Protein backbone atom coordinates (compact mmCIF):
# COMPACT_ATOMS: atom_id res chain seq x y z
CA MET A 1 16.04 27.42 64.78
CA THR A 2 13.49 28.92 67.05
CA ILE A 3 12.17 28.21 70.33
CA SER A 4 9.30 29.37 71.86
CA GLU A 5 9.74 31.04 75.27
CA GLN A 6 7.80 28.46 77.09
CA GLN A 7 9.67 25.97 75.98
CA LYS A 8 12.87 27.95 77.02
CA LYS A 9 11.13 27.92 80.57
CA ASP A 10 10.20 24.39 80.71
CA ILE A 11 13.54 22.88 79.45
CA GLU A 12 15.57 25.17 82.13
CA GLU A 13 13.34 23.55 84.62
CA GLU A 14 13.53 20.45 83.48
CA LYS A 15 17.62 20.40 83.33
CA ARG A 16 17.26 21.79 87.12
CA LYS A 17 15.99 18.55 88.30
CA SER A 18 17.59 15.84 89.68
CA PHE A 19 16.60 12.41 90.45
CA SER A 20 18.89 9.60 92.54
CA THR A 21 18.31 5.99 90.70
CA LYS A 22 19.39 2.29 90.69
CA ARG A 23 18.70 1.74 87.12
CA THR A 24 21.53 1.95 84.62
CA SER A 25 22.54 5.90 83.02
CA VAL A 26 24.98 6.52 80.70
CA ASP A 27 27.34 9.17 81.51
CA SER A 28 27.35 10.44 77.85
CA ILE A 29 23.99 10.72 76.81
CA GLU A 30 23.29 11.86 80.10
CA GLU A 31 25.19 15.00 79.39
CA LYS A 32 22.82 15.69 75.72
CA LEU A 33 19.37 14.90 77.73
CA PHE A 34 17.45 18.34 76.60
CA THR A 35 20.17 19.72 75.07
CA ILE A 36 18.34 21.50 71.78
CA ASN A 37 20.63 20.09 68.46
CA PRO A 38 19.45 22.22 65.71
CA VAL A 39 18.14 20.96 62.49
CA LEU A 40 17.42 22.97 58.85
CA ASP A 41 15.97 25.96 59.75
CA HIS A 42 13.60 25.95 62.37
CA GLY A 43 13.77 22.30 63.49
CA PHE A 44 15.45 20.60 66.36
CA ILE A 45 15.62 17.57 68.23
CA ARG A 46 16.73 16.69 71.98
CA VAL A 47 16.70 13.60 73.99
CA ILE A 48 13.86 13.36 76.44
CA ASP A 49 14.74 9.69 78.16
CA TYR A 50 16.48 6.64 77.43
CA MET A 51 16.31 3.41 79.26
CA GLY A 52 19.19 0.33 78.92
CA ASP A 53 22.72 0.31 77.12
CA ASP A 54 25.00 -1.79 75.71
CA SER A 55 24.92 -3.68 78.55
CA ALA A 56 21.20 -4.49 78.66
CA ILE A 57 21.12 -6.09 75.54
CA VAL A 58 24.25 -8.36 76.36
CA GLN A 59 22.21 -9.01 79.78
CA ALA A 60 18.58 -9.76 77.64
CA ALA A 61 20.48 -12.00 75.15
CA ARG A 62 22.37 -14.06 77.76
CA VAL A 63 19.02 -13.78 79.82
CA SER A 64 21.48 -12.89 83.08
CA TYR A 65 22.01 -9.78 85.05
CA GLY A 66 24.94 -8.10 85.85
CA SER A 67 28.63 -7.93 84.15
CA GLY A 68 29.56 -11.82 85.63
CA THR A 69 33.03 -12.57 84.58
CA LYS A 70 32.64 -11.68 81.12
CA LYS A 71 34.88 -9.06 79.69
CA SER A 72 33.83 -6.16 77.96
CA GLN A 73 35.56 -7.40 74.77
CA ASP A 74 33.07 -10.53 75.21
CA ASP A 75 30.16 -7.91 75.15
CA ASN A 76 30.98 -5.95 72.22
CA SER A 77 31.28 -9.59 70.13
CA LEU A 78 28.33 -10.60 71.60
CA ILE A 79 26.58 -7.65 70.09
CA ARG A 80 28.30 -7.92 66.67
CA TYR A 81 26.80 -11.10 66.33
CA LEU A 82 23.17 -10.21 67.36
CA MET A 83 23.40 -7.65 64.92
CA ARG A 84 25.35 -9.58 61.99
CA HIS A 85 22.73 -12.21 62.10
CA TRP A 86 19.64 -10.21 62.56
CA HIS A 87 18.43 -10.57 66.20
CA SER A 88 15.87 -8.05 67.18
CA THR A 89 14.65 -8.62 70.61
CA PRO A 90 18.21 -8.00 72.76
CA PHE A 91 18.06 -4.64 71.36
CA GLU A 92 14.67 -4.32 71.85
CA MET A 93 15.78 -3.73 75.82
CA CYS A 94 16.30 -0.30 75.07
CA GLU A 95 14.13 2.80 74.31
CA ILE A 96 14.73 6.09 73.84
CA LYS A 97 12.67 9.30 73.39
CA PHE A 98 12.99 12.55 71.46
CA HIS A 99 11.36 15.68 71.40
CA ILE A 100 11.17 16.66 67.47
CA LYS A 101 10.28 20.10 65.34
CA LEU A 102 9.82 19.42 62.00
CA PRO A 103 8.00 19.92 58.45
CA VAL A 104 4.80 18.66 58.34
CA PHE A 105 5.83 16.93 55.15
CA VAL A 106 8.82 15.39 56.60
CA ALA A 107 6.52 14.40 59.83
CA ARG A 108 4.21 12.02 57.02
CA GLN A 109 7.43 10.67 55.30
CA TRP A 110 8.34 9.82 58.99
CA ILE A 111 5.10 8.50 60.74
CA ARG A 112 5.59 6.03 57.94
CA HIS A 113 8.00 4.00 60.54
CA ARG A 114 4.83 2.98 62.91
CA THR A 115 6.99 1.24 65.38
CA ALA A 116 7.30 3.69 67.85
CA ASN A 117 4.81 5.83 70.00
CA VAL A 118 4.22 9.40 69.13
CA ASN A 119 2.35 12.31 70.28
CA GLU A 120 1.87 15.53 67.94
CA TYR A 121 1.52 19.20 68.96
CA SER A 122 -2.62 19.56 68.47
CA ALA A 123 -3.52 21.66 65.81
CA ARG A 124 -6.94 21.66 66.50
CA TYR A 125 -6.24 23.12 70.31
CA SER A 126 -3.20 25.49 69.86
CA ILE A 127 -2.18 27.82 67.26
CA LEU A 128 0.37 27.18 64.89
CA GLU A 129 3.59 29.47 64.49
CA LYS A 130 4.27 31.06 61.47
CA GLU A 131 7.53 29.10 61.18
CA PHE A 132 7.97 27.41 57.52
CA TYR A 133 10.96 25.23 55.74
CA ILE A 134 12.64 27.38 53.12
CA PRO A 135 15.51 24.81 51.63
CA GLU A 136 18.88 26.36 51.44
CA GLU A 137 19.73 27.17 47.64
CA GLU A 138 22.31 24.52 47.39
CA ASN A 139 19.02 21.87 48.29
CA LEU A 140 16.79 22.97 45.50
CA ALA A 141 17.60 19.91 42.15
CA SER A 142 15.09 19.51 39.17
CA GLN A 143 13.42 15.77 39.34
CA SER A 144 15.81 12.67 38.52
CA SER A 145 15.40 11.20 35.05
CA THR A 146 16.21 7.39 36.94
CA ASN A 147 14.14 7.88 40.09
CA ASN A 148 10.88 8.64 40.27
CA GLN A 149 10.89 9.96 43.91
CA GLY A 150 14.92 11.37 43.83
CA ARG A 151 16.42 14.70 42.97
CA GLY A 152 18.41 14.85 39.79
CA GLU A 153 20.22 17.88 39.20
CA THR A 154 21.11 21.49 41.35
CA LEU A 155 19.09 24.10 39.96
CA SER A 156 20.58 27.12 38.56
CA SER A 157 21.07 30.47 40.92
CA SER A 158 18.27 31.84 38.93
CA GLU A 159 15.92 28.87 39.09
CA SER A 160 16.57 28.83 43.00
CA GLN A 161 15.81 32.06 43.26
CA LYS A 162 12.23 31.93 41.45
CA VAL A 163 11.27 28.66 43.28
CA LEU A 164 12.74 30.14 47.17
CA GLU A 165 10.60 33.76 46.20
CA ILE A 166 7.02 31.42 45.34
CA LEU A 167 7.66 29.23 48.90
CA LYS A 168 8.17 32.20 50.45
CA LEU A 169 5.21 33.87 48.97
CA ASP A 170 2.62 31.19 49.41
CA SER A 171 3.81 30.23 52.70
CA ASP A 172 3.10 34.02 54.38
CA ARG A 173 -0.08 34.42 52.04
CA SER A 174 -1.30 31.22 53.70
CA TYR A 175 -0.51 32.00 57.44
CA ARG A 176 -2.15 35.75 56.76
CA ASN A 177 -5.45 34.09 55.56
CA TYR A 178 -5.10 31.22 58.79
CA GLU A 179 -5.13 34.14 61.04
CA SER A 180 -7.97 35.75 59.57
CA LEU A 181 -9.79 32.43 59.00
CA LEU A 182 -9.06 32.54 62.84
CA SER A 183 -10.26 35.62 64.10
CA SER A 184 -12.48 38.40 62.27
CA ASP A 185 -12.88 41.82 63.55
CA GLY A 186 -11.88 40.82 67.18
CA LYS A 187 -14.79 38.08 66.98
CA PRO A 188 -14.07 34.29 67.06
CA GLY A 189 -13.63 33.09 64.10
CA LEU A 190 -13.53 29.77 62.09
CA ALA A 191 -12.91 26.38 64.20
CA ARG A 192 -8.94 25.67 64.59
CA GLU A 193 -9.75 22.33 63.92
CA LEU A 194 -10.88 23.61 60.24
CA ALA A 195 -8.96 26.67 59.65
CA ARG A 196 -6.16 24.59 60.05
CA MET A 197 -6.65 23.15 56.36
CA ASN A 198 -4.85 25.95 54.08
CA LEU A 199 -1.54 25.11 55.63
CA PRO A 200 1.23 24.21 53.79
CA THR A 201 3.37 21.17 54.23
CA ASN A 202 6.49 22.94 54.95
CA ILE A 203 5.14 24.54 58.26
CA TYR A 204 6.64 23.73 61.32
CA THR A 205 4.99 21.01 64.03
CA GLN A 206 6.63 19.05 67.17
CA TRP A 207 6.37 15.95 68.74
CA TYR A 208 7.24 13.15 71.28
CA TRP A 209 8.85 10.29 69.51
CA LYS A 210 9.51 7.22 71.55
CA THR A 211 11.34 4.17 70.23
CA ASP A 212 12.95 0.70 71.10
CA LEU A 213 16.46 0.98 69.66
CA HIS A 214 15.99 -2.05 66.74
CA ASN A 215 13.22 -0.20 65.39
CA LEU A 216 15.50 2.75 65.66
CA PHE A 217 17.92 0.92 63.66
CA ASN A 218 15.46 0.26 60.85
CA PHE A 219 14.56 3.68 60.72
CA LEU A 220 18.01 5.06 60.64
CA ARG A 221 19.24 2.54 57.69
CA LEU A 222 16.80 3.52 55.42
CA ARG A 223 16.78 7.55 56.83
CA ALA A 224 20.53 7.71 57.40
CA ASP A 225 21.27 6.31 54.04
CA SER A 226 22.89 8.76 51.93
CA HIS A 227 19.55 8.08 48.93
CA ALA A 228 17.02 9.33 51.40
CA GLN A 229 15.41 12.58 51.42
CA TYR A 230 17.67 15.32 52.58
CA GLU A 231 15.34 16.96 54.47
CA ILE A 232 14.57 13.94 56.92
CA ARG A 233 18.38 12.69 56.48
CA VAL A 234 19.14 15.46 58.44
CA TYR A 235 17.15 14.55 61.24
CA ALA A 236 18.78 10.96 61.14
CA GLU A 237 22.18 12.28 60.91
CA VAL A 238 22.02 13.87 64.23
CA ILE A 239 19.90 11.07 65.93
CA CYS A 240 23.14 8.51 64.74
CA ASP A 241 25.25 10.84 66.97
CA LEU A 242 22.90 10.93 70.35
CA VAL A 243 22.79 6.86 69.49
CA LYS A 244 26.27 6.67 69.54
CA ALA A 245 26.56 8.68 72.83
CA TRP A 246 23.97 6.08 74.48
CA VAL A 247 25.00 2.70 72.65
CA PRO A 248 28.51 3.01 71.42
CA SER A 249 29.06 -0.71 71.21
CA ALA A 250 25.80 -1.41 69.38
CA TYR A 251 26.11 1.48 67.08
CA GLY A 252 29.62 0.31 65.84
CA ALA A 253 27.61 -3.02 65.44
CA PHE A 254 25.08 -0.90 63.40
CA VAL A 255 27.10 1.03 61.02
CA ASP A 256 29.36 -2.34 60.44
CA TYR A 257 26.42 -3.91 59.76
CA ARG A 258 24.04 -2.09 58.29
CA LEU A 259 24.26 1.44 57.74
CA ASN A 260 27.73 0.83 55.49
CA SER A 261 26.80 -2.52 54.22
CA LEU A 262 25.42 -4.34 51.06
CA ASN A 263 22.17 -6.57 50.87
CA LEU A 264 22.92 -8.75 47.63
CA SER A 265 20.74 -10.98 45.71
CA ARG A 266 21.45 -14.88 44.67
CA GLN A 267 22.62 -13.42 41.44
CA ALA A 268 25.11 -11.00 42.63
CA VAL A 269 26.45 -13.02 45.01
CA GLU A 270 26.89 -15.72 42.23
CA CYS A 271 28.58 -12.69 39.71
CA LEU A 272 31.52 -12.04 42.34
CA LYS A 273 32.08 -15.46 43.25
CA ARG A 274 32.59 -15.53 39.33
CA LYS A 275 34.83 -12.73 39.53
CA LEU A 276 36.64 -13.70 41.84
CA SER A 277 37.75 -16.47 40.53
CA GLY A 278 38.42 -15.23 37.32
CA ASP A 279 35.79 -15.30 34.99
CA VAL A 280 34.52 -12.83 32.87
CA VAL A 281 30.68 -11.17 33.96
CA ASN A 282 28.77 -9.02 32.22
CA TYR A 283 25.36 -7.83 32.22
CA GLU A 284 23.91 -9.92 29.84
CA ASP A 285 24.73 -13.37 31.57
CA SER A 286 24.47 -12.25 35.04
CA GLY A 287 20.27 -13.25 35.10
CA MET A 288 19.87 -8.97 36.32
CA SER A 289 17.53 -6.62 35.67
CA LYS A 290 19.41 -3.70 33.86
CA ARG A 291 19.17 -1.53 36.83
CA GLU A 292 20.30 -4.08 39.42
CA TRP A 293 23.09 -4.55 37.52
CA GLU A 294 24.10 -0.92 37.94
CA GLU A 295 23.60 -0.95 40.95
CA PHE A 296 25.87 -3.92 41.25
CA THR A 297 28.88 -2.94 39.26
CA LYS A 298 29.35 0.88 40.61
CA CYS A 299 29.08 -0.57 44.09
CA PHE A 300 32.29 -2.85 42.71
CA GLU A 301 33.16 -0.64 40.34
CA MET A 302 33.08 -3.60 38.05
CA ARG A 303 33.63 -2.63 34.38
């Protein structure tokens, strides 16, 4: 992970600042403010700001102020009830802002979550650094034969070396061309907004990403899942740790009812009921597609 000297100075300056406030603060996330959490080879995530905590969710649900006479266990039970029954508005009372450095192809996947406020590094105004994502050998795999948007078997060492050599050569060549387009014989060259065209999507970009907790949980439900693409999942896993420090009760409910739960179809529920009552259940009379049946049996190891 790399960070520019100017960014290091900016971060140190931010750390030295101290504010007196009457708003709610959370010690465990305050300690993580501005801390750089490395991701991939050159990427990172850091928390810039946040608003609200577990109690803000409870207050919104009860439309009240202060903790009143409720006990923390009651608050935790309410949060779990809200999560269990898919209530969304109380979780929207909490917001968090991140500074994220990530490869462009990950950013293009990430931006599909259109419920956040985003401000990205401008390659029209500034020159991009020579930083490209080069995967570790163990993260190179062939195309899956069963999933058109997933990976299959890990490549052999010799195959991986060939791929890595191509990635490094192409990245280096494209950046040299980028530099030559920007300047020729010391004279201003092609406009920056045009010179960036030939850069590959494994080059790094940066952005500020602000979202509320409800939509952040929707992001994490998809991107922290074991089936998510590795390069975005590792970012989601870091965010999970940060959210756990920020709103531990809400995060615990999210893990139990979203991240580690199952969503069953009507047919799957009927098959499960039959199985529990002692009936023999098979694919032919399940009413499911072959793929759904395979996913269902894998979850419950039913044969």
